[in-house]
C-alpha atoms as a PDB file:
ATOM      1  CA  MET A   1     -17.807  43.725 -19.389  1.00  0.00           C
ATOM      2  CA  ARG A   2     -15.247  41.323 -17.870  1.00  0.00           C
ATOM      3  CA  LYS A   3     -16.560  37.432 -18.134  1.00  0.00           C
ATOM      4  CA  ALA A   4     -17.816  35.928 -14.974  1.00  0.00           C
ATOM      5  CA  ILE A   5     -15.805  33.123 -13.335  1.00  0.00           C
ATOM      6  CA  VAL A   6     -17.456  29.668 -12.631  1.00  0.00           C
ATOM      7  CA  ILE A   7     -16.328  27.924  -9.484  1.00  0.00           C
ATOM      8  CA  GLY A   8     -18.199  24.754  -8.310  1.00  0.00           C
ATOM      9  CA  GLY A   9     -20.794  25.382 -10.832  1.00  0.00           C
ATOM     10  CA  VAL A  10     -21.631  28.829  -9.369  1.00  0.00           C
ATOM     11  CA  SER A  11     -21.209  31.810 -11.967  1.00  0.00           C
ATOM     12  CA  VAL A  12     -19.620  34.859 -10.091  1.00  0.00           C
ATOM     13  CA  LYS A  13     -19.972  38.059 -12.376  1.00  0.00           C
ATOM     14  CA  ALA A  14     -17.359  40.862 -12.434  1.00  0.00           C
ATOM     15  CA  GLY A  15     -17.502  43.148  -9.395  1.00  0.00           C
ATOM     16  CA  GLN A  16     -19.218  40.474  -7.370  1.00  0.00           C
ATOM     17  CA  ARG A  17     -18.047  38.766  -4.093  1.00  0.00           C
ATOM     18  CA  CYS A  18     -19.606  35.644  -2.693  1.00  0.00           C
ATOM     19  CA  THR A  19     -18.843  32.394  -0.756  1.00  0.00           C
ATOM     20  CA  VAL A  20     -19.049  29.084  -2.887  1.00  0.00           C
ATOM     21  CA  ASP A  21     -19.303  25.737  -1.027  1.00  0.00           C
ATOM     22  CA  LEU A  22     -17.480  23.074  -3.075  1.00  0.00           C
ATOM     23  CA  ASP A  23     -18.831  19.480  -2.711  1.00  0.00           C
ATOM     24  CA  VAL A  24     -16.651  17.133  -0.712  1.00  0.00           C
ATOM     25  CA  PRO A  25     -17.081  13.575   0.673  1.00  0.00           C
ATOM     26  CA  ASP A  26     -19.736  13.698   3.898  1.00  0.00           C
ATOM     27  CA  LEU A  27     -18.743  12.605   7.219  1.00  0.00           C
ATOM     28  CA  TYR A  28     -19.478   9.140   8.149  1.00  0.00           C
ATOM     29  CA  THR A  29     -22.335  10.318  10.450  1.00  0.00           C
ATOM     30  CA  HIS A  30     -24.375  11.307   7.457  1.00  0.00           C
ATOM     31  CA  THR A  31     -23.617  15.007   8.199  1.00  0.00           C
ATOM     32  CA  GLY A  32     -22.863  17.048   5.075  1.00  0.00           C
ATOM     33  CA  ILE A  33     -19.748  18.984   4.698  1.00  0.00           C
ATOM     34  CA  THR A  34     -18.609  21.347   2.088  1.00  0.00           C
ATOM     35  CA  LEU A  35     -15.247  23.186   1.290  1.00  0.00           C
ATOM     36  CA  PRO A  36     -15.963  26.909   1.471  1.00  0.00           C
ATOM     37  CA  VAL A  37     -14.293  29.329  -0.922  1.00  0.00           C
ATOM     38  CA  GLN A  38     -14.625  33.061  -1.006  1.00  0.00           C
ATOM     39  CA  VAL A  39     -14.596  34.545  -4.489  1.00  0.00           C
ATOM     40  CA  ILE A  40     -13.666  38.101  -5.082  1.00  0.00           C
ATOM     41  CA  HIS A  41     -14.222  38.766  -9.042  1.00  0.00           C
ATOM     42  CA  GLY A  42     -12.823  42.365  -9.657  1.00  0.00           C
ATOM     43  CA  LYS A  43     -14.373  44.548 -12.175  1.00  0.00           C
ATOM     44  CA  VAL A  44     -11.020  45.015 -14.046  1.00  0.00           C
ATOM     45  CA  SER A  45      -9.109  42.294 -15.394  1.00  0.00           C
ATOM     46  CA  GLY A  46      -5.958  41.128 -13.841  1.00  0.00           C
ATOM     47  CA  PRO A  47      -4.186  38.232 -12.296  1.00  0.00           C
ATOM     48  CA  ALA A  48      -5.927  35.352 -10.543  1.00  0.00           C
ATOM     49  CA  LEU A  49      -4.546  34.672  -7.062  1.00  0.00           C
ATOM     50  CA  PHE A  50      -5.570  31.723  -4.539  1.00  0.00           C
ATOM     51  CA  LEU A  51      -4.721  31.912  -1.041  1.00  0.00           C
ATOM     52  CA  SER A  52      -4.822  28.402   0.832  1.00  0.00           C
ATOM     53  CA  GLY A  53      -4.708  28.006   4.594  1.00  0.00           C
ATOM     54  CA  ALA A  54      -4.663  24.674   6.614  1.00  0.00           C
ATOM     55  CA  LEU A  55      -3.672  22.180   3.855  1.00  0.00           C
ATOM     56  CA  HIS A  56      -2.268  20.598   7.067  1.00  0.00           C
ATOM     57  CA  GLY A  57      -5.341  20.762   9.224  1.00  0.00           C
ATOM     58  CA  ASP A  58      -3.747  21.896  12.399  1.00  0.00           C
ATOM     59  CA  GLU A  59      -1.595  24.775  10.798  1.00  0.00           C
ATOM     60  CA  ILE A  60      -4.156  27.426  11.610  1.00  0.00           C
ATOM     61  CA  ASN A  61      -2.153  30.803  11.366  1.00  0.00           C
ATOM     62  CA  GLY A  62      -3.048  30.757   7.692  1.00  0.00           C
ATOM     63  CA  VAL A  63      -6.869  30.911   8.548  1.00  0.00           C
ATOM     64  CA  GLU A  64      -6.451  34.153  10.355  1.00  0.00           C
ATOM     65  CA  ILE A  65      -4.117  35.645   7.865  1.00  0.00           C
ATOM     66  CA  ILE A  66      -6.885  35.022   4.965  1.00  0.00           C
ATOM     67  CA  ARG A  67      -9.672  36.454   7.244  1.00  0.00           C
ATOM     68  CA  ARG A  68      -7.574  39.775   7.609  1.00  0.00           C
ATOM     69  CA  ILE A  69      -7.006  39.780   3.845  1.00  0.00           C
ATOM     70  CA  LEU A  70     -10.644  39.481   3.239  1.00  0.00           C
ATOM     71  CA  LYS A  71     -11.719  42.115   5.691  1.00  0.00           C
ATOM     72  CA  ASN A  72      -9.200  44.435   4.084  1.00  0.00           C
ATOM     73  CA  LYS A  73     -10.981  47.466   2.533  1.00  0.00           C
ATOM     74  CA  LEU A  74      -8.344  47.270  -0.618  1.00  0.00           C
ATOM     75  CA  MET A  75     -10.266  44.041  -1.394  1.00  0.00           C
ATOM     76  CA  ASN A  76     -13.103  46.477  -2.699  1.00  0.00           C
ATOM     77  CA  SER A  77     -10.842  47.838  -5.494  1.00  0.00           C
ATOM     78  CA  LEU A  78      -9.466  44.492  -6.631  1.00  0.00           C
ATOM     79  CA  LYS A  79      -8.026  44.045 -10.147  1.00  0.00           C
ATOM     80  CA  GLY A  80      -8.147  40.309 -11.135  1.00  0.00           C
ATOM     81  CA  THR A  81      -9.790  37.503  -9.046  1.00  0.00           C
ATOM     82  CA  LEU A  82      -9.059  36.264  -5.520  1.00  0.00           C
ATOM     83  CA  LEU A  83      -9.899  32.796  -4.452  1.00  0.00           C
ATOM     84  CA  ALA A  84      -9.601  32.571  -0.625  1.00  0.00           C
ATOM     85  CA  VAL A  85      -9.632  29.108   1.056  1.00  0.00           C
ATOM     86  CA  PRO A  86      -8.954  29.495   4.829  1.00  0.00           C
ATOM     87  CA  VAL A  87      -9.404  26.032   5.579  1.00  0.00           C
ATOM     88  CA  VAL A  88      -8.349  23.290   2.731  1.00  0.00           C
ATOM     89  CA  ASN A  89      -8.266  20.469   4.866  1.00  0.00           C
ATOM     90  CA  ILE A  90     -11.611  20.786   6.451  1.00  0.00           C
ATOM     91  CA  TYR A  91     -11.485  17.248   7.955  1.00  0.00           C
ATOM     92  CA  GLY A  92      -8.185  17.528   9.600  1.00  0.00           C
ATOM     93  CA  PHE A  93      -9.181  21.145  10.972  1.00  0.00           C
ATOM     94  CA  ILE A  94     -12.268  19.936  12.547  1.00  0.00           C
ATOM     95  CA  ASN A  95     -10.323  17.044  14.358  1.00  0.00           C
ATOM     96  CA  LYS A  96      -7.201  19.530  15.328  1.00  0.00           C
ATOM     97  CA  THR A  97      -4.938  17.093  13.307  1.00  0.00           C
ATOM     98  CA  ARG A  98      -2.504  17.420  10.312  1.00  0.00           C
ATOM     99  CA  TYR A  99      -3.826  14.615   8.558  1.00  0.00           C
ATOM    100  CA  LEU A 100      -6.941  13.443   6.917  1.00  0.00           C
ATOM    101  CA  PRO A 101      -9.235  10.666   8.331  1.00  0.00           C
ATOM    102  CA  ASP A 102      -7.406   8.037   6.475  1.00  0.00           C
ATOM    103  CA  ARG A 103      -4.240   9.449   7.820  1.00  0.00           C
ATOM    104  CA  ARG A 104      -2.839  10.582   4.530  1.00  0.00           C
ATOM    105  CA  ASP A 105      -1.187  13.866   3.987  1.00  0.00           C
ATOM    106  CA  LEU A 106      -3.028  16.144   1.694  1.00  0.00           C
ATOM    107  CA  ASN A 107       0.109  17.912   0.609  1.00  0.00           C
ATOM    108  CA  ARG A 108       1.453  14.580  -0.675  1.00  0.00           C
ATOM    109  CA  SER A 109      -1.714  13.529  -2.505  1.00  0.00           C
ATOM    110  CA  PHE A 110      -1.828  15.819  -5.548  1.00  0.00           C
ATOM    111  CA  PRO A 111      -2.995  15.801  -8.350  1.00  0.00           C
ATOM    112  CA  GLY A 112      -5.189  13.334  -6.971  1.00  0.00           C
ATOM    113  CA  SER A 113      -8.269  11.736  -8.873  1.00  0.00           C
ATOM    114  CA  GLU A 114     -12.012  11.684  -8.851  1.00  0.00           C
ATOM    115  CA  THR A 115     -12.217   7.953  -7.846  1.00  0.00           C
ATOM    116  CA  GLY A 116      -9.285   7.619  -5.644  1.00  0.00           C
ATOM    117  CA  SER A 117      -8.734   7.981  -1.899  1.00  0.00           C
ATOM    118  CA  LEU A 118     -10.402  10.568   0.217  1.00  0.00           C
ATOM    119  CA  ALA A 119      -7.092  12.698   0.158  1.00  0.00           C
ATOM    120  CA  ALA A 120      -7.036  12.004  -3.653  1.00  0.00           C
ATOM    121  CA  ARG A 121     -10.550  13.210  -4.185  1.00  0.00           C
ATOM    122  CA  MET A 122      -9.971  16.327  -1.998  1.00  0.00           C
ATOM    123  CA  ALA A 123      -6.605  17.159  -3.976  1.00  0.00           C
ATOM    124  CA  ASN A 124      -8.550  16.622  -7.204  1.00  0.00           C
ATOM    125  CA  VAL A 125     -11.352  18.972  -6.251  1.00  0.00           C
ATOM    126  CA  PHE A 126      -8.831  21.880  -5.060  1.00  0.00           C
ATOM    127  CA  LEU A 127      -6.700  21.637  -8.154  1.00  0.00           C
ATOM    128  CA  ARG A 128      -9.616  21.581 -10.682  1.00  0.00           C
ATOM    129  CA  GLU A 129     -11.898  24.109  -8.947  1.00  0.00           C
ATOM    130  CA  ILE A 130      -9.247  26.547  -7.476  1.00  0.00           C
ATOM    131  CA  VAL A 131      -5.633  26.215  -8.865  1.00  0.00           C
ATOM    132  CA  ALA A 132      -6.680  25.560 -12.523  1.00  0.00           C
ATOM    133  CA  LYS A 133      -8.594  28.991 -12.460  1.00  0.00           C
ATOM    134  CA  CYS A 134      -5.496  31.004 -11.281  1.00  0.00           C
ATOM    135  CA  THR A 135      -2.293  32.455 -12.447  1.00  0.00           C
ATOM    136  CA  HIS A 136      -0.554  32.726  -8.957  1.00  0.00           C
ATOM    137  CA  GLY A 137      -0.913  31.120  -5.596  1.00  0.00           C
ATOM    138  CA  ILE A 138       0.360  31.568  -1.910  1.00  0.00           C
ATOM    139  CA  ASP A 139       0.254  28.412   0.296  1.00  0.00           C
ATOM    140  CA  LEU A 140       0.135  29.239   3.968  1.00  0.00           C
ATOM    141  CA  HIS A 141       1.771  26.800   6.405  1.00  0.00           C
ATOM    142  CA  THR A 142       3.415  26.663   9.939  1.00  0.00           C
ATOM    143  CA  ALA A 143       5.911  24.194  11.553  1.00  0.00           C
ATOM    144  CA  ALA A 144       4.351  20.860  12.684  1.00  0.00           C
ATOM    145  CA  ILE A 145       3.058  20.370  15.897  1.00  0.00           C
ATOM    146  CA  HIS A 146       5.530  21.251  18.912  1.00  0.00           C
ATOM    147  CA  ARG A 147       7.774  23.008  16.468  1.00  0.00           C
ATOM    148  CA  ASP A 148       8.195  26.619  15.535  1.00  0.00           C
ATOM    149  CA  ASN A 149       9.293  28.365  12.290  1.00  0.00           C
ATOM    150  CA  MET A 150      10.602  31.825  11.889  1.00  0.00           C
ATOM    151  CA  PRO A 151       8.510  33.581   9.132  1.00  0.00           C
ATOM    152  CA  HIS A 152      10.280  32.748   5.821  1.00  0.00           C
ATOM    153  CA  ILE A 153       9.379  31.833   2.182  1.00  0.00           C
ATOM    154  CA  ARG A 154      10.013  28.689   0.215  1.00  0.00           C
ATOM    155  CA  ALA A 155      10.001  28.908  -3.421  1.00  0.00           C
ATOM    156  CA  LEU A 156      11.823  27.703  -6.459  1.00  0.00           C
ATOM    157  CA  MET A 157      14.054  30.624  -7.140  1.00  0.00           C
ATOM    158  CA  ASP A 158      15.059  29.335 -10.678  1.00  0.00           C
ATOM    159  CA  ASP A 159      11.857  30.575 -12.215  1.00  0.00           C
ATOM    160  CA  PRO A 160      11.740  34.490 -12.693  1.00  0.00           C
ATOM    161  CA  GLU A 161       8.148  34.829 -11.989  1.00  0.00           C
ATOM    162  CA  THR A 162       8.383  32.736  -8.799  1.00  0.00           C
ATOM    163  CA  LYS A 163      11.568  34.776  -7.768  1.00  0.00           C
ATOM    164  CA  ARG A 164       9.590  37.952  -8.277  1.00  0.00           C
ATOM    165  CA  VAL A 165       6.831  37.021  -6.140  1.00  0.00           C
ATOM    166  CA  ALA A 166       8.924  35.469  -3.486  1.00  0.00           C
ATOM    167  CA  ARG A 167      10.932  38.425  -3.104  1.00  0.00           C
ATOM    168  CA  ALA A 168       7.872  40.855  -3.021  1.00  0.00           C
ATOM    169  CA  PHE A 169       6.725  38.994   0.221  1.00  0.00           C
ATOM    170  CA  ALA A 170       9.500  41.210   1.846  1.00  0.00           C
ATOM    171  CA  LEU A 171      10.751  38.613   4.269  1.00  0.00           C
ATOM    172  CA  PRO A 172      14.438  38.312   5.352  1.00  0.00           C
ATOM    173  CA  VAL A 173      15.026  34.702   4.455  1.00  0.00           C
ATOM    174  CA  ILE A 174      13.907  32.848   1.430  1.00  0.00           C
ATOM    175  CA  LEU A 175      14.619  29.151   1.103  1.00  0.00           C
ATOM    176  CA  ASN A 176      15.208  27.954  -2.533  1.00  0.00           C
ATOM    177  CA  THR A 177      13.600  24.429  -2.093  1.00  0.00           C
ATOM    178  CA  SER A 178      13.130  21.602  -4.679  1.00  0.00           C
ATOM    179  CA  ILE A 179       9.535  20.775  -5.172  1.00  0.00           C
ATOM    180  CA  VAL A 180       8.361  17.770  -3.264  1.00  0.00           C
ATOM    181  CA  ALA A 181       6.550  15.058  -5.258  1.00  0.00           C
ATOM    182  CA  GLY A 182       2.720  14.917  -4.631  1.00  0.00           C
ATOM    183  CA  SER A 183       2.647  18.423  -3.072  1.00  0.00           C
ATOM    184  CA  LEU A 184       0.285  21.143  -4.028  1.00  0.00           C
ATOM    185  CA  ARG A 185       3.217  23.204  -5.223  1.00  0.00           C
ATOM    186  CA  GLU A 186       4.268  20.581  -7.772  1.00  0.00           C
ATOM    187  CA  SER A 187       0.855  20.211  -9.377  1.00  0.00           C
ATOM    188  CA  ALA A 188       0.526  23.814  -9.576  1.00  0.00           C
ATOM    189  CA  GLU A 189       3.805  24.567 -11.189  1.00  0.00           C
ATOM    190  CA  LYS A 190       3.016  21.788 -13.706  1.00  0.00           C
ATOM    191  CA  SER A 191      -0.157  23.707 -14.724  1.00  0.00           C
ATOM    192  CA  GLY A 192       1.917  26.896 -15.262  1.00  0.00           C
ATOM    193  CA  VAL A 193       0.616  28.463 -11.903  1.00  0.00           C
ATOM    194  CA  THR A 194       3.266  30.500  -9.919  1.00  0.00           C
ATOM    195  CA  VAL A 195       3.251  29.341  -6.159  1.00  0.00           C
ATOM    196  CA  ILE A 196       5.170  30.397  -2.991  1.00  0.00           C
ATOM    197  CA  VAL A 197       4.796  28.884   0.528  1.00  0.00           C
ATOM    198  CA  TYR A 198       4.819  31.149   3.293  1.00  0.00           C
ATOM    199  CA  GLU A 199       6.086  29.293   6.609  1.00  0.00           C
ATOM    200  CA  ALA A 200       5.690  30.710  10.104  1.00  0.00           C
ATOM    201  CA  GLY A 201       4.761  29.933  13.607  1.00  0.00           C
ATOM    202  CA  GLU A 202       3.404  26.485  15.022  1.00  0.00           C
ATOM    203  CA  ALA A 203       0.692  24.146  14.621  1.00  0.00           C
ATOM    204  CA  LEU A 204      -2.637  24.936  16.860  1.00  0.00           C
ATOM    205  CA  ARG A 205      -1.498  28.366  17.833  1.00  0.00           C
ATOM    206  CA  PHE A 206      -2.114  31.702  16.745  1.00  0.00           C
ATOM    207  CA  ASP A 207       1.191  33.760  16.450  1.00  0.00           C
ATOM    208  CA  GLU A 208       0.490  37.389  16.111  1.00  0.00           C
ATOM    209  CA  ASP A 209       3.700  38.193  14.683  1.00  0.00           C
ATOM    210  CA  SER A 210       3.641  35.539  12.067  1.00  0.00           C
ATOM    211  CA  ILE A 211      -0.209  36.545  11.124  1.00  0.00           C
ATOM    212  CA  GLN A 212       0.743  40.021  10.714  1.00  0.00           C
ATOM    213  CA  ARG A 213       3.791  39.476   8.791  1.00  0.00           C
ATOM    214  CA  GLY A 214       1.988  36.964   6.592  1.00  0.00           C
ATOM    215  CA  THR A 215      -0.908  39.351   6.054  1.00  0.00           C
ATOM    216  CA  ASP A 216       1.406  42.174   4.932  1.00  0.00           C
ATOM    217  CA  GLY A 217       3.571  39.885   2.812  1.00  0.00           C
ATOM    218  CA  ILE A 218       0.337  38.894   0.553  1.00  0.00           C
ATOM    219  CA  LEU A 219      -0.737  42.486   0.381  1.00  0.00           C
ATOM    220  CA  SER A 220       2.746  43.412  -0.992  1.00  0.00           C
ATOM    221  CA  VAL A 221       2.569  40.340  -3.435  1.00  0.00           C
ATOM    222  CA  MET A 222      -0.713  41.695  -4.695  1.00  0.00           C
ATOM    223  CA  ARG A 223       0.744  45.040  -5.158  1.00  0.00           C
ATOM    224  CA  GLU A 224       3.588  43.588  -7.072  1.00  0.00           C
ATOM    225  CA  ILE A 225       1.509  41.654  -9.458  1.00  0.00           C
ATOM    226  CA  GLY A 226      -0.959  44.251 -10.128  1.00  0.00           C
ATOM    227  CA  MET A 227      -4.019  43.220  -8.103  1.00  0.00           C
ATOM    228  CA  LEU A 228      -3.730  46.263  -5.873  1.00  0.00           C
ATOM    229  CA  PRO A 229      -2.325  49.837  -6.272  1.00  0.00           C
ATOM    230  CA  ARG A 230       1.380  50.312  -5.336  1.00  0.00           C
ATOM    231  CA  LEU A 231       2.083  52.399  -2.297  1.00  0.00           C
ATOM    232  CA  LYS A 232       3.110  55.921  -3.393  1.00  0.00           C
ATOM    233  CA  LYS A 233       5.943  55.914  -0.817  1.00  0.00           C
ATOM    234  CA  ALA A 234       7.658  52.991   0.713  1.00  0.00           C
ATOM    235  CA  ARG A 235       7.104  53.037   4.471  1.00  0.00           C
ATOM    236  CA  THR A 236      10.354  51.501   5.374  1.00  0.00           C
ATOM    237  CA  LYS A 237      13.696  50.626   3.526  1.00  0.00           C
ATOM    238  CA  LYS A 238      13.311  47.629   1.129  1.00  0.00           C
ATOM    239  CA  LEU A 239      14.576  44.524   2.773  1.00  0.00           C
ATOM    240  CA  GLU A 240      17.084  42.565   0.697  1.00  0.00           C
ATOM    241  CA  PRO A 241      16.473  38.950   1.429  1.00  0.00           C
ATOM    242  CA  LEU A 242      18.854  36.225   1.789  1.00  0.00           C
ATOM    243  CA  VAL A 243      18.429  33.144  -0.252  1.00  0.00           C
ATOM    244  CA  ALA A 244      19.488  30.032   1.132  1.00  0.00           C
ATOM    245  CA  GLN A 245      20.015  27.230  -1.525  1.00  0.00           C
ATOM    246  CA  SER A 246      19.488  24.456   1.044  1.00  0.00           C
ATOM    247  CA  SER A 247      18.790  23.774   4.808  1.00  0.00           C
ATOM    248  CA  THR A 248      19.478  20.974   7.158  1.00  0.00           C
ATOM    249  CA  TRP A 249      18.132  19.667  10.577  1.00  0.00           C
ATOM    250  CA  VAL A 250      20.348  19.319  13.755  1.00  0.00           C
ATOM    251  CA  ARG A 251      19.276  16.169  15.361  1.00  0.00           C
ATOM    252  CA  ALA A 252      19.517  14.925  18.909  1.00  0.00           C
ATOM    253  CA  PRO A 253      22.702  12.947  19.519  1.00  0.00           C
ATOM    254  CA  GLU A 254      21.178  11.462  22.509  1.00  0.00           C
ATOM    255  CA  SER A 255      17.944  11.188  24.493  1.00  0.00           C
ATOM    256  CA  GLY A 256      17.294  13.518  27.336  1.00  0.00           C
ATOM    257  CA  ILE A 257      16.211  16.950  28.295  1.00  0.00           C
ATOM    258  CA  LEU A 258      17.375  19.819  26.031  1.00  0.00           C
ATOM    259  CA  ARG A 259      18.502  23.049  27.231  1.00  0.00           C
ATOM    260  CA  ALA A 260      18.610  25.130  24.127  1.00  0.00           C
ATOM    261  CA  MET A 261      21.040  28.105  23.810  1.00  0.00           C
ATOM    262  CA  LYS A 262      19.845  29.303  20.406  1.00  0.00           C
ATOM    263  CA  THR A 263      16.486  30.536  19.160  1.00  0.00           C
ATOM    264  CA  LEU A 264      14.768  31.466  15.696  1.00  0.00           C
ATOM    265  CA  GLY A 265      16.561  33.956  13.741  1.00  0.00           C
ATOM    266  CA  GLU A 266      19.849  33.500  15.275  1.00  0.00           C
ATOM    267  CA  PRO A 267      22.926  33.116  12.958  1.00  0.00           C
ATOM    268  CA  VAL A 268      24.962  29.971  13.835  1.00  0.00           C
ATOM    269  CA  HIS A 269      28.299  28.941  12.462  1.00  0.00           C
ATOM    270  CA  LYS A 270      29.247  25.390  12.096  1.00  0.00           C
ATOM    271  CA  ASN A 271      30.382  23.413  15.090  1.00  0.00           C
ATOM    272  CA  GLU A 272      28.916  26.494  17.318  1.00  0.00           C
ATOM    273  CA  LEU A 273      27.286  25.201  20.424  1.00  0.00           C
ATOM    274  CA  MET A 274      23.462  25.338  20.143  1.00  0.00           C
ATOM    275  CA  GLY A 275      22.458  23.461  23.426  1.00  0.00           C
ATOM    276  CA  VAL A 276      22.970  20.736  25.985  1.00  0.00           C
ATOM    277  CA  ILE A 277      21.141  17.487  26.316  1.00  0.00           C
ATOM    278  CA  SER A 278      21.139  15.968  29.817  1.00  0.00           C
ATOM    279  CA  ASP A 279      19.575  13.135  31.973  1.00  0.00           C
ATOM    280  CA  PRO A 280      17.381  14.412  34.825  1.00  0.00           C
ATOM    281  CA  PHE A 281      20.116  13.943  37.143  1.00  0.00           C
ATOM    282  CA  GLY A 282      22.988  15.997  35.120  1.00  0.00           C
ATOM    283  CA  LYS A 283      25.168  13.084  35.255  1.00  0.00           C
ATOM    284  CA  LYS A 284      25.694  12.610  31.559  1.00  0.00           C
ATOM    285  CA  GLU A 285      25.762  15.646  29.215  1.00  0.00           C
ATOM    286  CA  GLU A 286      25.707  15.855  25.598  1.00  0.00           C
ATOM    287  CA  GLU A 287      26.505  18.871  23.534  1.00  0.00           C
ATOM    288  CA  VAL A 288      24.332  19.792  20.372  1.00  0.00           C
ATOM    289  CA  ARG A 289      26.443  21.722  17.794  1.00  0.00           C
ATOM    290  CA  ALA A 290      25.563  23.449  14.555  1.00  0.00           C
ATOM    291  CA  THR A 291      26.297  21.220  11.630  1.00  0.00           C
ATOM    292  CA  ALA A 292      26.381  24.201   8.980  1.00  0.00           C
ATOM    293  CA  ASN A 293      26.804  28.013   8.650  1.00  0.00           C
ATOM    294  CA  GLY A 294      23.295  29.739   8.547  1.00  0.00           C
ATOM    295  CA  ILE A 295      20.259  30.955  10.144  1.00  0.00           C
ATOM    296  CA  ILE A 296      17.989  28.972  12.518  1.00  0.00           C
ATOM    297  CA  ILE A 297      14.528  29.166  10.656  1.00  0.00           C
ATOM    298  CA  GLY A 298      12.844  26.282  12.847  1.00  0.00           C
ATOM    299  CA  ARG A 299      13.300  24.707  16.276  1.00  0.00           C
ATOM    300  CA  THR A 300      11.515  22.299  18.713  1.00  0.00           C
ATOM    301  CA  ASN A 301       9.305  23.782  21.287  1.00  0.00           C
ATOM    302  CA  ILE A 302       9.634  20.746  23.547  1.00  0.00           C
ATOM    303  CA  PRO A 303      12.822  20.278  25.794  1.00  0.00           C
ATOM    304  CA  LEU A 304      12.195  16.322  26.094  1.00  0.00           C
ATOM    305  CA  VAL A 305      13.793  14.751  23.120  1.00  0.00           C
ATOM    306  CA  ASN A 306      14.579  11.293  21.864  1.00  0.00           C
ATOM    307  CA  GLU A 307      17.807  10.474  20.045  1.00  0.00           C
ATOM    308  CA  GLY A 308      17.530  11.541  16.359  1.00  0.00           C
ATOM    309  CA  GLU A 309      14.680  13.885  16.871  1.00  0.00           C
ATOM    310  CA  ALA A 310      14.803  17.250  14.922  1.00  0.00           C
ATOM    311  CA  LEU A 311      15.999  20.228  17.026  1.00  0.00           C
ATOM    312  CA  PHE A 312      17.141  22.998  14.994  1.00  0.00           C
ATOM    313  CA  HIS A 313      16.435  23.830  11.300  1.00  0.00           C
ATOM    314  CA  ILE A 314      19.207  25.827   9.758  1.00  0.00           C
ATOM    315  CA  ALA A 315      19.066  27.605   6.386  1.00  0.00           C
ATOM    316  CA  ARG A 316      22.298  26.939   4.980  1.00  0.00           C
ATOM    317  CA  PHE A 317      24.835  29.138   3.556  1.00  0.00           C
ATOM    318  CA  LYS A 318      28.383  28.245   2.090  1.00  0.00           C
ATOM    319  CA  THR A 319      30.167  30.902   4.331  1.00  0.00           C
ATOM    320  CA  THR A 320      29.355  33.427   6.900  1.00  0.00           C
ATOM    321  CA  TYR A 321      30.485  36.072   4.768  1.00  0.00           C
ATOM    322  CA  GLU A 322      27.101  35.713   2.835  1.00  0.00           C
ATOM    323  CA  LEU A 323      25.472  36.531   6.024  1.00  0.00           C
ATOM    324  CA  GLU A 324      27.551  39.609   7.390  1.00  0.00           C
ATOM    325  CA  ASP A 325      25.849  42.466   5.459  1.00  0.00           C
ATOM    326  CA  GLN A 326      22.411  41.642   6.315  1.00  0.00           C
ATOM    327  CA  LEU A 327      22.618  40.109   9.722  1.00  0.00           C
ATOM    328  CA  GLU A 328      21.801  43.319  11.411  1.00  0.00           C
ATOM    329  CA  GLU A 329      18.727  44.044   9.359  1.00  0.00           C
ATOM    330  CA  ILE A 330      17.459  40.376  10.142  1.00  0.00           C
ATOM    331  CA  GLN A 331      18.143  40.834  13.901  1.00  0.00           C
ATOM    332  CA  ASN A 332      16.038  44.184  13.514  1.00  0.00           C
ATOM    333  CA  TYR A 333      13.284  42.336  11.738  1.00  0.00           C
ATOM    334  CA  MET A 334      13.156  39.695  14.481  1.00  0.00           C
ATOM    335  CA  ASN A 335      13.496  42.249  17.339  1.00  0.00           C
ATOM    336  CA  PRO A 336      11.873  45.526  16.122  1.00  0.00           C
ATOM    337  CA  SER A 337      12.423  48.531  18.453  1.00  0.00           C
ATOM    338  CA  GLU A 338       9.369  49.960  20.476  1.00  0.00           C
ATOM    339  CA  GLU A 339       9.403  53.507  19.075  1.00  0.00           C
END
């Protein structure tokens, strides 16, 4: 018989499924609060995967993605262990904000400590009780408030296992990003846990396309690493992702009102016109041009901009030649036919 897994002092036997409430600091109203984790401990040994949503409290697409994964009947035949945490930053989620009450960013507070700030204590609990028990992880994010992200993966593609998992998510664009200091991904990688980040949609909004693609991607990863049975026959042609080695933000050259001419998923060439910023009278207009060849993976949703604000996020490629063979597939992905 497979050994039980212990989370927060609770022993979950092989073949069991239960919700464990991890202890975290109470609210200042004397109201108790916990960090809920759903544990599915399969009868058969296999990888241990964590799913984390709302690490930033206002990024809520991941909450719905994890709910759909947990409701999927395939979880009844799971190999290995799934630790699902729909809402990591429970405080920010309650207050509909990105940050913790102390204004710290939880995703810059890892590995944390038992005696540090609120953010440090939350990071320490999550790392000790969740990440340390896993072999793989998928961290679910959206763009910040008033911005939108095209569904894409961020991962360190220099690592073979991370590369395998990132490609298995089956999205058209992967951003090969360096690991940010203090992030969950940094601490996980140092612990030998393979982690990828899924970015899609905007804060405080459910986006059905982003949610469905995220759900499908997680199931695809679980099949790839042996937690779920592989499909007998692929439903569609396997998408060959484009891997961008870097990205850049195009910023507002002047303050004013933006008329955007480009949207998510569109390819751009360096110096191509992306929009125009003008004053309310139209007396002064300033062009916004692409600073690199690439694909738009993020953009602002507010046309009222101040000088220096980020407008378009471009996954950067050295030449347009790198894009040519796959642009049609990416456009089909972003605008599927209604057959």
